C-alpha cells in the first residue's frame, strides 16, 4: 500500500518535516511493509520557504531585515533558475506573529520588514517574485510596503502574492475582524484596525473584496496594489513537490495541521490537499491537534476522517510531547486504513 503524507506544520511545535517523520514512524509501527512517501506542505504562511527548499533541494539565502516591531531579524529568500529565475519570499519570516513580543501590540505591528526582501529579489535580477503571505503579526494592509516601493516593481518582473487564505480585506471575514483577535487585538483594537484598513482601501482602485486580499493582515491587498497576481500558496508548494503526481500513485493521503478550523477550509493546506485528493478519487485522512469543524463541513471539503491528538493523548501530553502524540495517532490511522 502507498501512503502519501502531505501535512502542514503544527504551529509552535512541529515543522511539516517533523510531522512527516512522526507519522511515518507511527504508520510503520503497524504496517511496516507499506510504502510511505513524505511531501511536507505549506500554504504561504510560516514554513513556506522551508517546504520549497526541501522539495527543490536548494539552500535559501539569508537577508537581514526587521521584525514586526523593528527588531533586527534574519529572513530567507529562495532563488531558483529553472528556465525563469524566480525569488520566493516568506512574509512570516520577517513580520510573522512568532516574532512579536508576548505582550502583543497589534496596532503597531508592521509589514515593513518585507521591503528589504523584495529589494534583494529585485537586485538578484529575477523575472518573478513570489511572496508567501500569511501568519503575520501585522494588520496594516501592506501599506508600509506599498509606500516604500512607491515606484512600483520594475518592468519585466512579475509579482505574485501566494496567500494562505481566501479572505477579503474588509468586513466580518476580513483581515481585522477574522484574524486580528488571534494577534492579540481587543474588540476596540479590531474596530480601529478595520477603520484603518477601510481608509487605506478608499479610492485606491483595487477591489478590497478580492479573494486573498485579507491574507497576512491585508498584505495580500498591499501586494495587489503593487500589481501582484494572487495565487494559492498551497498550490505553489503542491507544484514544487509534485503533489498531483504523488496523489495519482497513492492509495490514501494524510494531511493535517495543529488546529483545524473554518479558516483551514479557506485555502490552507488541509483544504487544498483534501480537495485535490477528492478530485482524484483518493481517500484523505487529517491528523490535527484539535478541530472545530463539523463532519458535514469536513466531508464537503473531501476529508474522510479526522484524528485528533487531544482525543488520543489529552491536551497536556499533545503539547508536551507532540511528536510522540503524532506517532501514536499515525499508528491508529494505519490500523484503520492499511491493508496490511
C-alpha atoms as a PDB file:
ATOM      1  CA  UNK A   1       0.000   0.000   0.000  1.00  0.00           C
ATOM      2  CA  UNK A   2       1.238   3.504  -0.860  1.00  0.00           C
ATOM      3  CA  UNK A   3       0.602   6.231   1.704  1.00  0.00           C
ATOM      4  CA  UNK A   4       1.238   9.900   0.870  1.00  0.00           C
ATOM      5  CA  UNK A   5       1.951  12.270   3.762  1.00  0.00           C
ATOM      6  CA  UNK A   6       1.274  15.929   2.871  1.00  0.00           C
ATOM      7  CA  UNK A   7       0.792  17.845   6.140  1.00  0.00           C
ATOM      8  CA  UNK A   8       1.409  21.448   7.091  1.00  0.00           C
ATOM      9  CA  UNK A   9       3.389  22.348  10.201  1.00  0.00           C
ATOM     10  CA  UNK A  10       1.835  22.100  13.672  1.00  0.00           C
ATOM     11  CA  UNK A  11       2.354  25.765  14.579  1.00  0.00           C
ATOM     12  CA  UNK A  12       4.650  26.298  17.535  1.00  0.00           C
ATOM     13  CA  UNK A  13       5.508  22.619  17.972  1.00  0.00           C
ATOM     14  CA  UNK A  14       6.446  20.650  14.831  1.00  0.00           C
ATOM     15  CA  UNK A  15       7.592  21.542  11.341  1.00  0.00           C
ATOM     16  CA  UNK A  16       5.918  19.810   8.408  1.00  0.00           C
ATOM     17  CA  UNK A  17       9.034  17.639   8.072  1.00  0.00           C
ATOM     18  CA  UNK A  18       8.788  16.692  11.769  1.00  0.00           C
ATOM     19  CA  UNK A  19       5.128  15.764  11.318  1.00  0.00           C
ATOM     20  CA  UNK A  20       6.011  13.556   8.340  1.00  0.00           C
ATOM     21  CA  UNK A  21       8.765  11.825  10.329  1.00  0.00           C
ATOM     22  CA  UNK A  22       6.428  11.104  13.254  1.00  0.00           C
ATOM     23  CA  UNK A  23       3.593   9.906  11.025  1.00  0.00           C
ATOM     24  CA  UNK A  24       5.949   7.636   9.086  1.00  0.00           C
ATOM     25  CA  UNK A  25       7.220   6.074  12.310  1.00  0.00           C
ATOM     26  CA  UNK A  26       3.692   5.552  13.617  1.00  0.00           C
ATOM     27  CA  UNK A  27       2.394   4.065  10.371  1.00  0.00           C
ATOM     28  CA  UNK A  28       5.342   1.687  10.143  1.00  0.00           C
ATOM     29  CA  UNK A  29       4.814   0.625  13.768  1.00  0.00           C
ATOM     30  CA  UNK A  30       1.658  -1.051  12.486  1.00  0.00           C
ATOM     31  CA  UNK A  31       2.229  -1.617   8.768  1.00  0.00           C
ATOM     32  CA  UNK A  32       5.962  -1.923   8.200  1.00  0.00           C
ATOM     33  CA  UNK A  33       5.642  -3.069   4.588  1.00  0.00           C
ATOM     34  CA  UNK A  34       3.559  -0.093   3.424  1.00  0.00           C
ATOM     35  CA  UNK A  35       5.359   2.473   1.260  1.00  0.00           C
ATOM     36  CA  UNK A  36       5.123   5.866   2.952  1.00  0.00           C
ATOM     37  CA  UNK A  37       6.024   8.953   0.888  1.00  0.00           C
ATOM     38  CA  UNK A  38       6.635  12.308   2.601  1.00  0.00           C
ATOM     39  CA  UNK A  39       5.715  15.563   0.852  1.00  0.00           C
ATOM     40  CA  UNK A  40       5.832  18.300   3.522  1.00  0.00           C
ATOM     41  CA  UNK A  41       3.476  21.133   2.609  1.00  0.00           C
ATOM     42  CA  UNK A  42       2.924  24.819   3.384  1.00  0.00           C
ATOM     43  CA  UNK A  43       0.386  27.418   2.291  1.00  0.00           C
ATOM     44  CA  UNK A  44       2.228  30.733   2.105  1.00  0.00           C
ATOM     45  CA  UNK A  45       2.470  31.238   5.854  1.00  0.00           C
ATOM     46  CA  UNK A  46       5.280  30.076   8.177  1.00  0.00           C
ATOM     47  CA  UNK A  47       7.178  27.178   6.643  1.00  0.00           C
ATOM     48  CA  UNK A  48       6.656  28.320   3.037  1.00  0.00           C
ATOM     49  CA  UNK A  49      10.371  28.679   2.283  1.00  0.00           C
ATOM     50  CA  UNK A  50      11.302  25.550   4.245  1.00  0.00           C
ATOM     51  CA  UNK A  51       8.838  23.402   2.286  1.00  0.00           C
ATOM     52  CA  UNK A  52      10.032  24.761  -1.064  1.00  0.00           C
ATOM     53  CA  UNK A  53      13.712  24.398  -0.120  1.00  0.00           C
ATOM     54  CA  UNK A  54      13.157  20.781   0.931  1.00  0.00           C
ATOM     55  CA  UNK A  55      11.262  19.970  -2.263  1.00  0.00           C
ATOM     56  CA  UNK A  56      13.812  21.604  -4.554  1.00  0.00           C
ATOM     57  CA  UNK A  57      16.954  20.730  -2.580  1.00  0.00           C
ATOM     58  CA  UNK A  58      18.191  24.326  -2.580  1.00  0.00           C
ATOM     59  CA  UNK A  59      19.523  26.322   0.380  1.00  0.00           C
ATOM     60  CA  UNK A  60      17.883  29.718   0.976  1.00  0.00           C
ATOM     61  CA  UNK A  61      19.842  32.953   1.180  1.00  0.00           C
ATOM     62  CA  UNK A  62      19.780  34.941   4.420  1.00  0.00           C
ATOM     63  CA  UNK A  63      18.534  38.535   4.240  1.00  0.00           C
ATOM     64  CA  UNK A  64      18.943  40.946   7.149  1.00  0.00           C
ATOM     65  CA  UNK A  65      15.773  42.951   7.804  1.00  0.00           C
ATOM     66  CA  UNK A  66      13.454  43.993  10.631  1.00  0.00           C
ATOM     67  CA  UNK A  67      10.731  42.211  12.524  1.00  0.00           C
ATOM     68  CA  UNK A  68       7.152  43.407  13.058  1.00  0.00           C
ATOM     69  CA  UNK A  69       8.278  45.857  15.756  1.00  0.00           C
ATOM     70  CA  UNK A  70      11.575  46.986  14.270  1.00  0.00           C
ATOM     71  CA  UNK A  71      13.949  44.473  15.849  1.00  0.00           C
ATOM     72  CA  UNK A  72      16.649  43.061  13.589  1.00  0.00           C
ATOM     73  CA  UNK A  73      15.846  39.612  12.156  1.00  0.00           C
ATOM     74  CA  UNK A  74      17.302  37.273   9.569  1.00  0.00           C
ATOM     75  CA  UNK A  75      14.781  36.265   6.931  1.00  0.00           C
ATOM     76  CA  UNK A  76      15.200  33.924   3.982  1.00  0.00           C
ATOM     77  CA  UNK A  77      14.962  34.189   0.218  1.00  0.00           C
ATOM     78  CA  UNK A  78      14.986  31.211  -2.108  1.00  0.00           C
ATOM     79  CA  UNK A  79      16.182  31.892  -5.663  1.00  0.00           C
ATOM     80  CA  UNK A  80      15.623  29.301  -8.366  1.00  0.00           C
ATOM     81  CA  UNK A  81      16.615  29.408 -12.005  1.00  0.00           C
ATOM     82  CA  UNK A  82      14.583  26.731 -13.724  1.00  0.00           C
ATOM     83  CA  UNK A  83      14.057  28.494 -17.023  1.00  0.00           C
ATOM     84  CA  UNK A  84      12.526  31.554 -15.377  1.00  0.00           C
ATOM     85  CA  UNK A  85      14.573  32.999 -12.495  1.00  0.00           C
ATOM     86  CA  UNK A  86      12.240  33.261  -9.509  1.00  0.00           C
ATOM     87  CA  UNK A  87      12.678  34.542  -5.952  1.00  0.00           C
ATOM     88  CA  UNK A  88      10.490  33.086  -3.226  1.00  0.00           C
ATOM     89  CA  UNK A  89       9.945  35.179  -0.084  1.00  0.00           C
ATOM     90  CA  UNK A  90       8.056  34.451   3.137  1.00  0.00           C
ATOM     91  CA  UNK A  91       6.374  37.383   4.876  1.00  0.00           C
ATOM     92  CA  UNK A  92       6.145  35.465   8.149  1.00  0.00           C
ATOM     93  CA  UNK A  93       9.931  35.222   8.294  1.00  0.00           C
ATOM     94  CA  UNK A  94      10.171  38.995   8.805  1.00  0.00           C
ATOM     95  CA  UNK A  95       6.784  40.144  10.112  1.00  0.00           C
ATOM     96  CA  UNK A  96       5.379  36.902  11.491  1.00  0.00           C
ATOM     97  CA  UNK A  97       3.369  36.589  14.680  1.00  0.00           C
ATOM     98  CA  UNK A  98       6.059  34.301  16.095  1.00  0.00           C
ATOM     99  CA  UNK A  99       8.442  37.290  16.010  1.00  0.00           C
ATOM    100  CA  UNK A 100       6.154  39.567  18.018  1.00  0.00           C
ATOM    101  CA  UNK A 101       6.694  40.046  21.764  1.00  0.00           C
ATOM    102  CA  UNK A 102       4.472  38.096  24.112  1.00  0.00           C
ATOM    103  CA  UNK A 103       2.610  41.251  25.024  1.00  0.00           C
ATOM    104  CA  UNK A 104       1.058  41.833  21.618  1.00  0.00           C
ATOM    105  CA  UNK A 105       0.880  45.314  20.103  1.00  0.00           C
ATOM    106  CA  UNK A 106      -1.366  44.712  17.085  1.00  0.00           C
ATOM    107  CA  UNK A 107      -1.827  48.394  16.262  1.00  0.00           C
ATOM    108  CA  UNK A 108       1.921  48.924  15.953  1.00  0.00           C
ATOM    109  CA  UNK A 109       2.945  45.668  14.210  1.00  0.00           C
ATOM    110  CA  UNK A 110       4.273  46.399  10.725  1.00  0.00           C
ATOM    111  CA  UNK A 111       4.907  44.572   7.465  1.00  0.00           C
ATOM    112  CA  UNK A 112       7.830  46.925   6.611  1.00  0.00           C
ATOM    113  CA  UNK A 113      10.381  44.120   7.049  1.00  0.00           C
ATOM    114  CA  UNK A 114       9.271  42.663   3.728  1.00  0.00           C
ATOM    115  CA  UNK A 115      10.707  45.657   1.835  1.00  0.00           C
ATOM    116  CA  UNK A 116      14.406  44.630   2.065  1.00  0.00           C
ATOM    117  CA  UNK A 117      13.460  41.134   0.903  1.00  0.00           C
ATOM    118  CA  UNK A 118      11.682  42.444  -2.179  1.00  0.00           C
ATOM    119  CA  UNK A 119      14.609  44.777  -2.918  1.00  0.00           C
ATOM    120  CA  UNK A 120      17.049  41.883  -2.553  1.00  0.00           C
ATOM    121  CA  UNK A 121      14.948  39.864  -5.002  1.00  0.00           C
ATOM    122  CA  UNK A 122      14.989  42.743  -7.486  1.00  0.00           C
ATOM    123  CA  UNK A 123      18.779  43.045  -7.130  1.00  0.00           C
ATOM    124  CA  UNK A 124      19.072  39.308  -7.822  1.00  0.00           C
ATOM    125  CA  UNK A 125      17.721  40.073 -11.329  1.00  0.00           C
ATOM    126  CA  UNK A 126      14.887  37.584 -11.152  1.00  0.00           C
ATOM    127  CA  UNK A 127      11.930  37.664 -13.506  1.00  0.00           C
ATOM    128  CA  UNK A 128       9.371  36.653 -10.918  1.00  0.00           C
ATOM    129  CA  UNK A 129       8.931  37.356  -7.191  1.00  0.00           C
ATOM    130  CA  UNK A 130       6.579  35.067  -5.254  1.00  0.00           C
ATOM    131  CA  UNK A 131       5.701  36.271  -1.762  1.00  0.00           C
ATOM    132  CA  UNK A 132       4.248  33.760   0.696  1.00  0.00           C
ATOM    133  CA  UNK A 133       1.554  35.735   2.520  1.00  0.00           C
ATOM    134  CA  UNK A 134       0.215  34.555   5.867  1.00  0.00           C
ATOM    135  CA  UNK A 135       0.947  34.261   9.576  1.00  0.00           C
ATOM    136  CA  UNK A 136       1.834  37.925  10.085  1.00  0.00           C
ATOM    137  CA  UNK A 137       1.661  39.922  13.311  1.00  0.00           C
ATOM    138  CA  UNK A 138       0.647  42.975  11.285  1.00  0.00           C
ATOM    139  CA  UNK A 139      -2.780  44.135  10.141  1.00  0.00           C
ATOM    140  CA  UNK A 140      -1.657  47.155   8.144  1.00  0.00           C
ATOM    141  CA  UNK A 141      -2.860  46.270   4.662  1.00  0.00           C
ATOM    142  CA  UNK A 142       0.725  46.178   3.448  1.00  0.00           C
ATOM    143  CA  UNK A 143       0.799  49.977   3.495  1.00  0.00           C
ATOM    144  CA  UNK A 144       4.462  50.294   4.601  1.00  0.00           C
ATOM    145  CA  UNK A 145       5.491  48.015   1.724  1.00  0.00           C
ATOM    146  CA  UNK A 146       3.496  49.951  -0.866  1.00  0.00           C
ATOM    147  CA  UNK A 147       4.754  53.326   0.362  1.00  0.00           C
ATOM    148  CA  UNK A 148       8.385  52.178   0.474  1.00  0.00           C
ATOM    149  CA  UNK A 149       8.160  50.808  -3.068  1.00  0.00           C
ATOM    150  CA  UNK A 150       6.213  53.775  -4.416  1.00  0.00           C
ATOM    151  CA  UNK A 151       7.999  53.476  -7.740  1.00  0.00           C
ATOM    152  CA  UNK A 152       6.463  50.030  -8.065  1.00  0.00           C
ATOM    153  CA  UNK A 153       8.063  46.777  -9.163  1.00  0.00           C
ATOM    154  CA  UNK A 154      10.404  47.210 -12.146  1.00  0.00           C
ATOM    155  CA  UNK A 155       9.021  46.356 -15.548  1.00  0.00           C
ATOM    156  CA  UNK A 156       9.723  42.797 -16.545  1.00  0.00           C
ATOM    157  CA  UNK A 157       9.331  41.384 -13.042  1.00  0.00           C
ATOM    158  CA  UNK A 158       6.104  39.564 -12.242  1.00  0.00           C
ATOM    159  CA  UNK A 159       4.923  39.915  -8.637  1.00  0.00           C
ATOM    160  CA  UNK A 160       2.854  37.086  -7.144  1.00  0.00           C
ATOM    161  CA  UNK A 161       1.048  37.002  -3.805  1.00  0.00           C
ATOM    162  CA  UNK A 162       0.850  33.372  -2.650  1.00  0.00           C
ATOM    163  CA  UNK A 163      -1.832  33.597   0.040  1.00  0.00           C
ATOM    164  CA  UNK A 164      -2.785  31.137   2.740  1.00  0.00           C
ATOM    165  CA  UNK A 165      -6.475  32.127   2.892  1.00  0.00           C
ATOM    166  CA  UNK A 166      -9.146  33.423   0.514  1.00  0.00           C
ATOM    167  CA  UNK A 167     -10.496  36.112   2.870  1.00  0.00           C
ATOM    168  CA  UNK A 168     -11.228  39.675   1.685  1.00  0.00           C
ATOM    169  CA  UNK A 169      -9.641  42.781   3.185  1.00  0.00           C
ATOM    170  CA  UNK A 170     -12.707  44.180   4.953  1.00  0.00           C
ATOM    171  CA  UNK A 171     -15.859  43.046   6.708  1.00  0.00           C
ATOM    172  CA  UNK A 172     -16.767  40.143   9.011  1.00  0.00           C
ATOM    173  CA  UNK A 173     -14.442  37.746   7.148  1.00  0.00           C
ATOM    174  CA  UNK A 174     -11.738  40.359   6.617  1.00  0.00           C
ATOM    175  CA  UNK A 175      -8.202  40.825   7.887  1.00  0.00           C
ATOM    176  CA  UNK A 176      -9.119  42.679  11.082  1.00  0.00           C
ATOM    177  CA  UNK A 177     -12.317  41.038  12.258  1.00  0.00           C
ATOM    178  CA  UNK A 178     -11.344  37.475  11.373  1.00  0.00           C
ATOM    179  CA  UNK A 179      -7.673  37.388  12.309  1.00  0.00           C
ATOM    180  CA  UNK A 180      -6.661  40.370  14.477  1.00  0.00           C
ATOM    181  CA  UNK A 181      -8.079  38.786  17.679  1.00  0.00           C
ATOM    182  CA  UNK A 182      -5.581  35.936  17.159  1.00  0.00           C
ATOM    183  CA  UNK A 183      -2.858  38.600  17.070  1.00  0.00           C
ATOM    184  CA  UNK A 184      -3.855  39.992  20.457  1.00  0.00           C
ATOM    185  CA  UNK A 185      -6.277  42.724  19.365  1.00  0.00           C
ATOM    186  CA  UNK A 186      -9.077  43.722  21.735  1.00  0.00           C
ATOM    187  CA  UNK A 187     -12.564  44.408  20.378  1.00  0.00           C
ATOM    188  CA  UNK A 188     -11.793  48.123  20.276  1.00  0.00           C
ATOM    189  CA  UNK A 189      -8.481  47.499  18.522  1.00  0.00           C
ATOM    190  CA  UNK A 190     -10.160  45.256  15.960  1.00  0.00           C
ATOM    191  CA  UNK A 191     -12.546  48.065  15.039  1.00  0.00           C
ATOM    192  CA  UNK A 192      -9.672  50.578  14.916  1.00  0.00           C
ATOM    193  CA  UNK A 193      -7.793  48.276  12.550  1.00  0.00           C
ATOM    194  CA  UNK A 194     -10.908  47.815  10.416  1.00  0.00           C
ATOM    195  CA  UNK A 195     -11.321  51.591  10.082  1.00  0.00           C
ATOM    196  CA  UNK A 196      -7.643  51.985   9.240  1.00  0.00           C
ATOM    197  CA  UNK A 197      -7.845  49.329   6.526  1.00  0.00           C
ATOM    198  CA  UNK A 198     -11.036  50.851   5.111  1.00  0.00           C
ATOM    199  CA  UNK A 199      -9.352  54.241   4.896  1.00  0.00           C
ATOM    200  CA  UNK A 200      -6.319  52.699   3.184  1.00  0.00           C
ATOM    201  CA  UNK A 201      -8.543  50.985   0.623  1.00  0.00           C
ATOM    202  CA  UNK A 202     -10.756  54.009  -0.063  1.00  0.00           C
ATOM    203  CA  UNK A 203     -10.414  55.225  -3.645  1.00  0.00           C
ATOM    204  CA  UNK A 204      -7.404  53.020  -4.365  1.00  0.00           C
ATOM    205  CA  UNK A 205      -8.935  51.294  -7.379  1.00  0.00           C
ATOM    206  CA  UNK A 206      -8.107  47.812  -6.076  1.00  0.00           C
ATOM    207  CA  UNK A 207     -11.097  45.723  -5.013  1.00  0.00           C
ATOM    208  CA  UNK A 208     -10.858  45.065  -1.243  1.00  0.00           C
ATOM    209  CA  UNK A 209     -13.256  42.134  -1.647  1.00  0.00           C
ATOM    210  CA  UNK A 210     -10.820  40.296  -3.912  1.00  0.00           C
ATOM    211  CA  UNK A 211     -10.090  36.764  -2.620  1.00  0.00           C
ATOM    212  CA  UNK A 212      -6.836  36.703  -0.656  1.00  0.00           C
ATOM    213  CA  UNK A 213      -6.680  40.475  -0.159  1.00  0.00           C
ATOM    214  CA  UNK A 214      -7.165  39.941   3.587  1.00  0.00           C
ATOM    215  CA  UNK A 215      -4.303  37.444   3.872  1.00  0.00           C
ATOM    216  CA  UNK A 216      -1.363  38.414   6.058  1.00  0.00           C
ATOM    217  CA  UNK A 217      -3.262  41.209   7.777  1.00  0.00           C
ATOM    218  CA  UNK A 218      -4.120  42.705   4.389  1.00  0.00           C
ATOM    219  CA  UNK A 219      -0.605  42.328   2.997  1.00  0.00           C
ATOM    220  CA  UNK A 220      -2.226  40.454   0.109  1.00  0.00           C
ATOM    221  CA  UNK A 221      -4.141  43.638  -0.709  1.00  0.00           C
ATOM    222  CA  UNK A 222      -0.992  45.762  -0.486  1.00  0.00           C
ATOM    223  CA  UNK A 223       0.827  43.489  -2.918  1.00  0.00           C
ATOM    224  CA  UNK A 224      -2.144  43.701  -5.278  1.00  0.00           C
ATOM    225  CA  UNK A 225      -1.729  47.482  -5.204  1.00  0.00           C
ATOM    226  CA  UNK A 226       1.820  46.895  -6.412  1.00  0.00           C
ATOM    227  CA  UNK A 227       0.467  44.850  -9.297  1.00  0.00           C
ATOM    228  CA  UNK A 228       0.629  41.364  -7.830  1.00  0.00           C
ATOM    229  CA  UNK A 229      -1.355  38.428  -9.138  1.00  0.00           C
ATOM    230  CA  UNK A 230      -2.862  36.364  -6.355  1.00  0.00           C
ATOM    231  CA  UNK A 231      -2.434  32.572  -6.278  1.00  0.00           C
ATOM    232  CA  UNK A 232      -2.913  29.868  -3.664  1.00  0.00           C
ATOM    233  CA  UNK A 233       0.228  29.408  -1.572  1.00  0.00           C
ATOM    234  CA  UNK A 234      -0.649  25.750  -1.143  1.00  0.00           C
ATOM    235  CA  UNK A 235      -0.824  25.394  -4.934  1.00  0.00           C
ATOM    236  CA  UNK A 236       2.675  26.857  -5.285  1.00  0.00           C
ATOM    237  CA  UNK A 237       4.113  24.299  -2.869  1.00  0.00           C
ATOM    238  CA  UNK A 238       1.998  21.494  -4.349  1.00  0.00           C
ATOM    239  CA  UNK A 239       3.523  22.148  -7.762  1.00  0.00           C
ATOM    240  CA  UNK A 240       7.025  22.098  -6.273  1.00  0.00           C
ATOM    241  CA  UNK A 241       6.507  18.754  -4.505  1.00  0.00           C
ATOM    242  CA  UNK A 242       4.614  17.200  -7.435  1.00  0.00           C
ATOM    243  CA  UNK A 243       1.521  16.649  -5.294  1.00  0.00           C
ATOM    244  CA  UNK A 244      -0.826  15.559  -8.081  1.00  0.00           C
ATOM    245  CA  UNK A 245       1.668  13.029  -9.410  1.00  0.00           C
ATOM    246  CA  UNK A 246       2.193  11.679  -5.900  1.00  0.00           C
ATOM    247  CA  UNK A 247      -1.560  11.506  -5.291  1.00  0.00           C
ATOM    248  CA  UNK A 248      -2.115   9.577  -8.520  1.00  0.00           C
ATOM    249  CA  UNK A 249       0.161   6.814  -7.202  1.00  0.00           C
ATOM    250  CA  UNK A 250      -1.187   6.829  -3.618  1.00  0.00           C
ATOM    251  CA  UNK A 251      -3.848   4.644  -2.042  1.00  0.00           C
ATOM    252  CA  UNK A 252      -4.501   7.104   0.781  1.00  0.00           C
ATOM    253  CA  UNK A 253      -3.267  10.602   1.663  1.00  0.00           C
ATOM    254  CA  UNK A 254      -2.678  12.023   5.135  1.00  0.00           C
ATOM    255  CA  UNK A 255      -2.619  15.776   5.709  1.00  0.00           C
ATOM    256  CA  UNK A 256      -3.047  17.932   8.793  1.00  0.00           C
ATOM    257  CA  UNK A 257      -2.097  20.932  10.895  1.00  0.00           C
ATOM    258  CA  UNK A 258      -2.100  21.955  14.537  1.00  0.00           C
ATOM    259  CA  UNK A 259      -5.695  23.181  14.695  1.00  0.00           C
ATOM    260  CA  UNK A 260      -8.305  22.558  12.022  1.00  0.00           C
ATOM    261  CA  UNK A 261     -10.948  25.287  11.960  1.00  0.00           C
ATOM    262  CA  UNK A 262     -13.010  27.028   9.301  1.00  0.00           C
ATOM    263  CA  UNK A 263     -10.002  29.062   8.140  1.00  0.00           C
ATOM    264  CA  UNK A 264      -8.371  25.685   7.378  1.00  0.00           C
ATOM    265  CA  UNK A 265     -11.100  25.154   4.802  1.00  0.00           C
ATOM    266  CA  UNK A 266     -10.483  28.554   3.168  1.00  0.00           C
ATOM    267  CA  UNK A 267      -7.304  27.994   1.213  1.00  0.00           C
ATOM    268  CA  UNK A 268      -4.948  26.383   3.697  1.00  0.00           C
ATOM    269  CA  UNK A 269      -3.038  23.130   3.224  1.00  0.00           C
ATOM    270  CA  UNK A 270      -5.688  20.823   4.656  1.00  0.00           C
ATOM    271  CA  UNK A 271      -8.392  22.097   2.313  1.00  0.00           C
ATOM    272  CA  UNK A 272      -6.094  22.124  -0.706  1.00  0.00           C
ATOM    273  CA  UNK A 273      -4.759  18.591  -0.226  1.00  0.00           C
ATOM    274  CA  UNK A 274      -8.193  17.179   0.627  1.00  0.00           C
ATOM    275  CA  UNK A 275      -9.713  18.888  -2.407  1.00  0.00           C
ATOM    276  CA  UNK A 276      -7.091  17.517  -4.769  1.00  0.00           C
ATOM    277  CA  UNK A 277      -7.452  14.044  -3.231  1.00  0.00           C
ATOM    278  CA  UNK A 278     -11.216  14.217  -3.694  1.00  0.00           C
ATOM    279  CA  UNK A 279     -10.856  15.228  -7.350  1.00  0.00           C
ATOM    280  CA  UNK A 280      -8.500  12.312  -7.950  1.00  0.00           C
ATOM    281  CA  UNK A 281     -10.677   9.865  -6.045  1.00  0.00           C
ATOM    282  CA  UNK A 282      -8.273   9.244  -3.181  1.00  0.00           C
ATOM    283  CA  UNK A 283      -9.343   8.990   0.471  1.00  0.00           C
ATOM    284  CA  UNK A 284      -7.951  11.729   2.707  1.00  0.00           C
ATOM    285  CA  UNK A 285      -7.178  11.492   6.429  1.00  0.00           C
ATOM    286  CA  UNK A 286      -6.472  14.546   8.573  1.00  0.00           C
ATOM    287  CA  UNK A 287      -4.280  14.477  11.683  1.00  0.00           C
ATOM    288  CA  UNK A 288      -4.562  17.544  13.914  1.00  0.00           C
ATOM    289  CA  UNK A 289      -4.000  18.678  17.452  1.00  0.00           C
ATOM    290  CA  UNK A 290      -7.614  19.723  17.746  1.00  0.00           C
ATOM    291  CA  UNK A 291     -10.505  20.633  15.453  1.00  0.00           C
ATOM    292  CA  UNK A 292     -13.591  22.822  15.482  1.00  0.00           C
ATOM    293  CA  UNK A 293     -15.208  21.836  12.177  1.00  0.00           C
ATOM    294  CA  UNK A 294     -18.171  19.505  11.919  1.00  0.00           C
ATOM    295  CA  UNK A 295     -18.324  16.256   9.984  1.00  0.00           C
ATOM    296  CA  UNK A 296     -20.503  17.711   7.240  1.00  0.00           C
ATOM    297  CA  UNK A 297     -18.094  20.580   6.526  1.00  0.00           C
ATOM    298  CA  UNK A 298     -15.148  18.193   6.646  1.00  0.00           C
ATOM    299  CA  UNK A 299     -16.794  15.727   4.268  1.00  0.00           C
ATOM    300  CA  UNK A 300     -17.706  18.535   1.863  1.00  0.00           C
ATOM    301  CA  UNK A 301     -14.026  19.526   1.813  1.00  0.00           C
ATOM    302  CA  UNK A 302     -13.014  15.985   0.884  1.00  0.00           C
ATOM    303  CA  UNK A 303     -11.932  14.800   4.338  1.00  0.00           C
ATOM    304  CA  UNK A 304     -12.820  11.187   5.118  1.00  0.00           C
ATOM    305  CA  UNK A 305     -11.670  11.041   8.737  1.00  0.00           C
ATOM    306  CA  UNK A 306     -10.024  13.300  11.333  1.00  0.00           C
ATOM    307  CA  UNK A 307      -7.706  12.005  14.048  1.00  0.00           C
ATOM    308  CA  UNK A 308      -7.041  14.369  16.963  1.00  0.00           C
ATOM    309  CA  UNK A 309      -4.062  14.358  19.293  1.00  0.00           C
ATOM    310  CA  UNK A 310      -6.179  15.684  22.160  1.00  0.00           C
ATOM    311  CA  UNK A 311      -8.506  12.701  21.830  1.00  0.00           C
ATOM    312  CA  UNK A 312      -5.620  10.254  21.707  1.00  0.00           C
ATOM    313  CA  UNK A 313      -3.354  11.525  24.494  1.00  0.00           C
ATOM    314  CA  UNK A 314      -5.024  14.576  26.044  1.00  0.00           C
ATOM    315  CA  UNK A 315      -4.167  18.250  25.725  1.00  0.00           C
ATOM    316  CA  UNK A 316      -1.208  18.314  28.125  1.00  0.00           C
ATOM    317  CA  UNK A 317       0.637  15.394  26.511  1.00  0.00           C
ATOM    318  CA  UNK A 318      -0.091  16.615  22.989  1.00  0.00           C
ATOM    319  CA  UNK A 319       1.643  19.896  23.871  1.00  0.00           C
ATOM    320  CA  UNK A 320       4.463  18.399  25.935  1.00  0.00           C
ATOM    321  CA  UNK A 321       5.364  15.607  23.503  1.00  0.00           C
ATOM    322  CA  UNK A 322       3.750  16.390  20.130  1.00  0.00           C
ATOM    323  CA  UNK A 323       5.963  14.093  18.042  1.00  0.00           C
ATOM    324  CA  UNK A 324       5.113  11.108  20.221  1.00  0.00           C
ATOM    325  CA  UNK A 325       1.429  12.011  20.018  1.00  0.00           C
ATOM    326  CA  UNK A 326       1.542  12.279  16.223  1.00  0.00           C
ATOM    327  CA  UNK A 327       3.320   8.933  16.051  1.00  0.00           C
ATOM    328  CA  UNK A 328       0.595   7.320  18.195  1.00  0.00           C
ATOM    329  CA  UNK A 329      -2.162   8.790  16.038  1.00  0.00           C
ATOM    330  CA  UNK A 330      -0.324   7.697  12.898  1.00  0.00           C
ATOM    331  CA  UNK A 331      -0.339   4.148  14.205  1.00  0.00           C
ATOM    332  CA  UNK A 332      -4.075   4.351  14.906  1.00  0.00           C
ATOM    333  CA  UNK A 333      -4.722   5.595  11.379  1.00  0.00           C
ATOM    334  CA  UNK A 334      -2.661   2.723   9.971  1.00  0.00           C
ATOM    335  CA  UNK A 335      -4.709   0.165  11.919  1.00  0.00           C
ATOM    336  CA  UNK A 336      -7.866   1.551  10.358  1.00  0.00           C
ATOM    337  CA  UNK A 337      -6.664   2.213   6.821  1.00  0.00           C
ATOM    338  CA  UNK A 338      -3.770  -0.113   5.947  1.00  0.00           C
ATOM    339  CA  UNK A 339      -4.399  -3.349   4.050  1.00  0.00           C
ATOM    340  CA  UNK A 340      -1.502  -4.989   5.932  1.00  0.00           C
END
